[in-house]
C-alpha atoms as a PDB file:
ATOM      1  CA  UNK A   1     -30.677 -32.784  -4.235  1.00  0.00           C
ATOM      2  CA  UNK A   2     -29.714 -32.648  -7.995  1.00  0.00           C
ATOM      3  CA  UNK A   3     -28.962 -28.770  -7.492  1.00  0.00           C
ATOM      4  CA  UNK A   4     -27.162 -29.018  -4.563  1.00  0.00           C
ATOM      5  CA  UNK A   5     -25.128 -31.929  -6.077  1.00  0.00           C
ATOM      6  CA  UNK A   6     -24.665 -29.863  -9.144  1.00  0.00           C
ATOM      7  CA  UNK A   7     -23.499 -26.627  -6.997  1.00  0.00           C
ATOM      8  CA  UNK A   8     -20.829 -28.679  -5.050  1.00  0.00           C
ATOM      9  CA  UNK A   9     -19.450 -30.142  -8.597  1.00  0.00           C
ATOM     10  CA  UNK A  10     -19.078 -26.952  -9.701  1.00  0.00           C
ATOM     11  CA  UNK A  11     -17.356 -26.049  -6.192  1.00  0.00           C
ATOM     12  CA  UNK A  12     -15.370 -28.629  -6.665  1.00  0.00           C
ATOM     13  CA  UNK A  13     -14.144 -27.467 -10.353  1.00  0.00           C
ATOM     14  CA  UNK A  14     -14.022 -24.292  -9.643  1.00  0.00           C
ATOM     15  CA  UNK A  15     -11.325 -25.354  -6.474  1.00  0.00           C
ATOM     16  CA  UNK A  16      -9.858 -27.677  -8.744  1.00  0.00           C
ATOM     17  CA  UNK A  17      -9.269 -24.958 -11.589  1.00  0.00           C
ATOM     18  CA  UNK A  18      -7.912 -22.219  -8.756  1.00  0.00           C
ATOM     19  CA  UNK A  19      -5.301 -24.803  -7.466  1.00  0.00           C
ATOM     20  CA  UNK A  20      -4.148 -25.579 -10.901  1.00  0.00           C
ATOM     21  CA  UNK A  21      -4.165 -21.924 -12.005  1.00  0.00           C
ATOM     22  CA  UNK A  22      -2.145 -21.028  -8.408  1.00  0.00           C
ATOM     23  CA  UNK A  23       0.440 -23.832  -9.303  1.00  0.00           C
ATOM     24  CA  UNK A  24       1.381 -22.489 -12.801  1.00  0.00           C
ATOM     25  CA  UNK A  25       1.102 -18.942 -11.990  1.00  0.00           C
ATOM     26  CA  UNK A  26       2.139 -17.970  -8.196  1.00  0.00           C
ATOM     27  CA  UNK A  27       1.022 -14.692  -7.112  1.00  0.00           C
ATOM     28  CA  UNK A  28       3.019 -11.879  -7.734  1.00  0.00           C
ATOM     29  CA  UNK A  29       4.182  -9.189  -5.451  1.00  0.00           C
ATOM     30  CA  UNK A  30       2.358  -6.735  -7.252  1.00  0.00           C
ATOM     31  CA  UNK A  31      -1.071  -8.862  -7.008  1.00  0.00           C
ATOM     32  CA  UNK A  32      -0.480  -9.286  -3.345  1.00  0.00           C
ATOM     33  CA  UNK A  33       0.068  -5.588  -2.429  1.00  0.00           C
ATOM     34  CA  UNK A  34      -2.796  -4.873  -4.400  1.00  0.00           C
ATOM     35  CA  UNK A  35      -4.961  -7.203  -2.094  1.00  0.00           C
ATOM     36  CA  UNK A  36      -3.405  -5.706   0.934  1.00  0.00           C
ATOM     37  CA  UNK A  37      -4.594  -2.588  -0.407  1.00  0.00           C
ATOM     38  CA  UNK A  38      -8.179  -3.251  -1.043  1.00  0.00           C
ATOM     39  CA  UNK A  39      -8.318  -4.990   2.896  1.00  0.00           C
ATOM     40  CA  UNK A  40      -7.026  -1.860   4.040  1.00  0.00           C
ATOM     41  CA  UNK A  41      -9.195  -0.125   2.413  1.00  0.00           C
ATOM     42  CA  UNK A  42     -12.343  -2.129   3.326  1.00  0.00           C
ATOM     43  CA  UNK A  43     -11.110  -2.376   6.841  1.00  0.00           C
ATOM     44  CA  UNK A  44     -11.521   1.905   6.939  1.00  0.00           C
ATOM     45  CA  UNK A  45     -14.732   1.650   5.187  1.00  0.00           C
ATOM     46  CA  UNK A  46     -16.037  -0.954   7.947  1.00  0.00           C
ATOM     47  CA  UNK A  47     -14.490   1.159  10.651  1.00  0.00           C
ATOM     48  CA  UNK A  48     -16.629   4.401   9.145  1.00  0.00           C
ATOM     49  CA  UNK A  49     -19.783   2.488   8.960  1.00  0.00           C
ATOM     50  CA  UNK A  50     -19.542   1.334  12.442  1.00  0.00           C
ATOM     51  CA  UNK A  51     -18.790   4.583  13.554  1.00  0.00           C
ATOM     52  CA  UNK A  52     -21.824   6.390  11.384  1.00  0.00           C
ATOM     53  CA  UNK A  53     -24.056   3.702  13.112  1.00  0.00           C
ATOM     54  CA  UNK A  54     -22.611   4.831  16.653  1.00  0.00           C
ATOM     55  CA  UNK A  55     -23.757   7.952  16.200  1.00  0.00           C
ATOM     56  CA  UNK A  56     -27.379   7.150  14.285  1.00  0.00           C
ATOM     57  CA  UNK A  57     -27.853   5.477  17.639  1.00  0.00           C
ATOM     58  CA  UNK A  58     -26.633   8.371  19.705  1.00  0.00           C
ATOM     59  CA  UNK A  59     -23.156   6.765  20.800  1.00  0.00           C
ATOM     60  CA  UNK A  60     -19.938   8.745  20.754  1.00  0.00           C
ATOM     61  CA  UNK A  61     -20.984  12.232  19.896  1.00  0.00           C
ATOM     62  CA  UNK A  62     -18.986  13.685  22.182  1.00  0.00           C
ATOM     63  CA  UNK A  63     -16.315  14.492  19.945  1.00  0.00           C
ATOM     64  CA  UNK A  64     -18.921  15.677  17.035  1.00  0.00           C
ATOM     65  CA  UNK A  65     -18.490  19.423  15.891  1.00  0.00           C
ATOM     66  CA  UNK A  66     -21.969  21.523  15.415  1.00  0.00           C
ATOM     67  CA  UNK A  67     -21.926  21.233  12.321  1.00  0.00           C
ATOM     68  CA  UNK A  68     -21.544  17.103  12.221  1.00  0.00           C
ATOM     69  CA  UNK A  69     -24.302  17.220  14.517  1.00  0.00           C
ATOM     70  CA  UNK A  70     -26.568  19.192  12.495  1.00  0.00           C
ATOM     71  CA  UNK A  71     -25.932  16.805   9.755  1.00  0.00           C
ATOM     72  CA  UNK A  72     -26.547  13.783  11.719  1.00  0.00           C
ATOM     73  CA  UNK A  73     -30.336  15.431  12.937  1.00  0.00           C
ATOM     74  CA  UNK A  74     -30.866  16.129   8.968  1.00  0.00           C
ATOM     75  CA  UNK A  75     -30.565  12.410   8.209  1.00  0.00           C
ATOM     76  CA  UNK A  76     -32.406  11.339  11.140  1.00  0.00           C
ATOM     77  CA  UNK A  77     -35.307  14.063  10.354  1.00  0.00           C
ATOM     78  CA  UNK A  78     -35.260  12.946   6.534  1.00  0.00           C
ATOM     79  CA  UNK A  79     -34.803   8.900   7.681  1.00  0.00           C
ATOM     80  CA  UNK A  80     -37.965   9.347  10.104  1.00  0.00           C
ATOM     81  CA  UNK A  81     -39.714  11.386   7.173  1.00  0.00           C
ATOM     82  CA  UNK A  82     -39.361   8.283   5.119  1.00  0.00           C
ATOM     83  CA  UNK A  83     -40.527   6.234   8.219  1.00  0.00           C
ATOM     84  CA  UNK A  84     -43.471   7.977   8.882  1.00  0.00           C
ATOM     85  CA  UNK A  85     -44.705   7.744   4.927  1.00  0.00           C
ATOM     86  CA  UNK A  86     -44.307   4.103   4.587  1.00  0.00           C
ATOM     87  CA  UNK A  87     -46.008   3.666   7.881  1.00  0.00           C
ATOM     88  CA  UNK A  88     -48.920   6.147   6.583  1.00  0.00           C
ATOM     89  CA  UNK A  89     -49.043   3.659   3.344  1.00  0.00           C
ATOM     90  CA  UNK A  90     -49.419   0.453   5.553  1.00  0.00           C
ATOM     91  CA  UNK A  91     -52.049   1.840   7.468  1.00  0.00           C
ATOM     92  CA  UNK A  92     -54.021   2.905   4.368  1.00  0.00           C
ATOM     93  CA  UNK A  93     -53.648  -0.541   2.900  1.00  0.00           C
ATOM     94  CA  UNK A  94     -54.587  -2.580   5.977  1.00  0.00           C
ATOM     95  CA  UNK A  95     -57.930   0.251   6.045  1.00  0.00           C
ATOM     96  CA  UNK A  96     -58.836  -0.359   2.957  1.00  0.00           C
ATOM     97  CA  UNK A  97     -58.491  -4.326   3.036  1.00  0.00           C
ATOM     98  CA  UNK A  98     -60.571  -3.867   6.068  1.00  0.00           C
ATOM     99  CA  UNK A  99     -62.932  -1.846   4.153  1.00  0.00           C
ATOM    100  CA  UNK A 100     -63.169  -4.590   1.152  1.00  0.00           C
ATOM    101  CA  UNK A 101     -63.860  -7.252   4.435  1.00  0.00           C
ATOM    102  CA  UNK A 102     -66.562  -4.770   6.009  1.00  0.00           C
ATOM    103  CA  UNK A 103     -68.475  -4.980   2.101  1.00  0.00           C
ATOM    104  CA  UNK A 104     -68.064  -8.631   1.974  1.00  0.00           C
ATOM    105  CA  UNK A 105     -69.369  -9.400   5.219  1.00  0.00           C
ATOM    106  CA  UNK A 106     -72.107  -6.886   4.571  1.00  0.00           C
ATOM    107  CA  UNK A 107     -72.907  -8.347   1.562  1.00  0.00           C
ATOM    108  CA  UNK A 108     -72.757 -11.996   3.183  1.00  0.00           C
ATOM    109  CA  UNK A 109     -75.096 -10.806   6.037  1.00  0.00           C
ATOM    110  CA  UNK A 110     -77.573  -9.462   3.571  1.00  0.00           C
ATOM    111  CA  UNK A 111     -77.716 -12.348   1.755  1.00  0.00           C
ATOM    112  CA  UNK A 112     -78.053 -14.579   5.261  1.00  0.00           C
ATOM    113  CA  UNK A 113     -80.933 -12.160   5.998  1.00  0.00           C
ATOM    114  CA  UNK A 114     -82.695 -12.733   2.557  1.00  0.00           C
ATOM    115  CA  UNK A 115     -82.730 -16.483   2.887  1.00  0.00           C
ATOM    116  CA  UNK A 116     -83.779 -16.301   6.468  1.00  0.00           C
ATOM    117  CA  UNK A 117     -86.857 -14.384   5.335  1.00  0.00           C
ATOM    118  CA  UNK A 118     -87.482 -17.071   2.511  1.00  0.00           C
ATOM    119  CA  UNK A 119     -87.399 -19.991   5.001  1.00  0.00           C
ATOM    120  CA  UNK A 120     -90.097 -18.287   7.023  1.00  0.00           C
ATOM    121  CA  UNK A 121     -88.395 -16.518   9.570  1.00  0.00           C
ATOM    122  CA  UNK A 122     -88.976 -13.126  10.710  1.00  0.00           C
ATOM    123  CA  UNK A 123     -87.005 -10.274  12.657  1.00  0.00           C
ATOM    124  CA  UNK A 124     -87.771  -9.309  16.032  1.00  0.00           C
ATOM    125  CA  UNK A 125     -87.924  -5.591  16.650  1.00  0.00           C
ATOM    126  CA  UNK A 126     -89.489  -4.499  13.840  1.00  0.00           C
ATOM    127  CA  UNK A 127     -87.651  -1.681  11.174  1.00  0.00           C
ATOM    128  CA  UNK A 128     -86.139   0.281  13.994  1.00  0.00           C
ATOM    129  CA  UNK A 129     -82.620  -0.118  15.323  1.00  0.00           C
ATOM    130  CA  UNK A 130     -79.709  -1.677  14.001  1.00  0.00           C
ATOM    131  CA  UNK A 131     -79.052  -5.639  12.653  1.00  0.00           C
ATOM    132  CA  UNK A 132     -77.534  -6.076  15.901  1.00  0.00           C
ATOM    133  CA  UNK A 133     -80.088  -5.276  17.842  1.00  0.00           C
ATOM    134  CA  UNK A 134     -82.589  -7.599  15.926  1.00  0.00           C
ATOM    135  CA  UNK A 135     -82.934 -11.086  16.379  1.00  0.00           C
ATOM    136  CA  UNK A 136     -84.328 -13.558  13.932  1.00  0.00           C
ATOM    137  CA  UNK A 137     -86.915 -16.138  15.442  1.00  0.00           C
ATOM    138  CA  UNK A 138     -89.354 -18.665  13.582  1.00  0.00           C
ATOM    139  CA  UNK A 139     -92.731 -16.571  12.928  1.00  0.00           C
ATOM    140  CA  UNK A 140     -94.569 -19.617  14.329  1.00  0.00           C
ATOM    141  CA  UNK A 141     -92.819 -18.585  17.794  1.00  0.00           C
ATOM    142  CA  UNK A 142     -93.687 -15.259  17.751  1.00  0.00           C
ATOM    143  CA  UNK A 143     -97.319 -15.990  18.457  1.00  0.00           C
ATOM    144  CA  UNK A 144     -96.411 -18.366  21.396  1.00  0.00           C
ATOM    145  CA  UNK A 145     -96.186 -17.877  24.436  1.00  0.00           C
ATOM    146  CA  UNK A 146     -93.194 -18.853  26.245  1.00  0.00           C
ATOM    147  CA  UNK A 147     -92.038 -19.057  29.617  1.00  0.00           C
ATOM    148  CA  UNK A 148     -88.721 -18.633  28.757  1.00  0.00           C
ATOM    149  CA  UNK A 149     -87.322 -15.126  28.201  1.00  0.00           C
ATOM    150  CA  UNK A 150     -85.291 -15.016  25.057  1.00  0.00           C
ATOM    151  CA  UNK A 151     -85.030 -11.158  24.075  1.00  0.00           C
ATOM    152  CA  UNK A 152     -82.011  -9.205  24.497  1.00  0.00           C
ATOM    153  CA  UNK A 153     -82.037  -6.087  26.554  1.00  0.00           C
ATOM    154  CA  UNK A 154     -79.497  -4.091  26.111  1.00  0.00           C
ATOM    155  CA  UNK A 155     -79.034  -1.110  28.994  1.00  0.00           C
ATOM    156  CA  UNK A 156     -79.962  -0.853  32.743  1.00  0.00           C
ATOM    157  CA  UNK A 157     -81.881  -4.033  34.061  1.00  0.00           C
ATOM    158  CA  UNK A 158     -85.648  -3.690  34.543  1.00  0.00           C
ATOM    159  CA  UNK A 159     -88.101  -5.360  36.657  1.00  0.00           C
ATOM    160  CA  UNK A 160     -88.833  -8.677  35.088  1.00  0.00           C
ATOM    161  CA  UNK A 161     -91.764 -10.802  36.136  1.00  0.00           C
ATOM    162  CA  UNK A 162     -91.949 -14.436  35.297  1.00  0.00           C
ATOM    163  CA  UNK A 163     -95.068 -16.348  35.819  1.00  0.00           C
ATOM    164  CA  UNK A 164     -94.480 -19.231  37.646  1.00  0.00           C
ATOM    165  CA  UNK A 165     -93.719 -22.566  35.610  1.00  0.00           C
ATOM    166  CA  UNK A 166     -96.816 -24.602  35.734  1.00  0.00           C
ATOM    167  CA  UNK A 167     -96.921 -28.579  35.628  1.00  0.00           C
END
């Protein structure tokens, strides 16, 4: 709030000073001519930029010569090259970030597996297969026979025979 009030005070002092300055020194004819010339030059620059923008967008190319069209093409090719280089740089940064994330997740997974083994959990499925294919179950459950099928099967369905529930 203080900065905003300070800025308003500064603007008010500037406006007061410029009003006092203009009252004491009316604008000279030379100064007015210079300002008019500068305004006309700015208008021309704006028109040139708008024309250039339209040409880069592919509009208003009818009156262009072959040389102008070749220059436009070269300019666009340089722009595309720069854009592609930046895009590749962003992709590489994203890949590096994802690799770091993968390493962190793998380390966390290994730590969780170690904690699971410390608390008496075993992995079902032995050493074969990847971590995703193994299910961690308590060691007491492995020896018990259960009517509930808890294994994950990947692939074509098999014929499974369940025993009827006993009461």
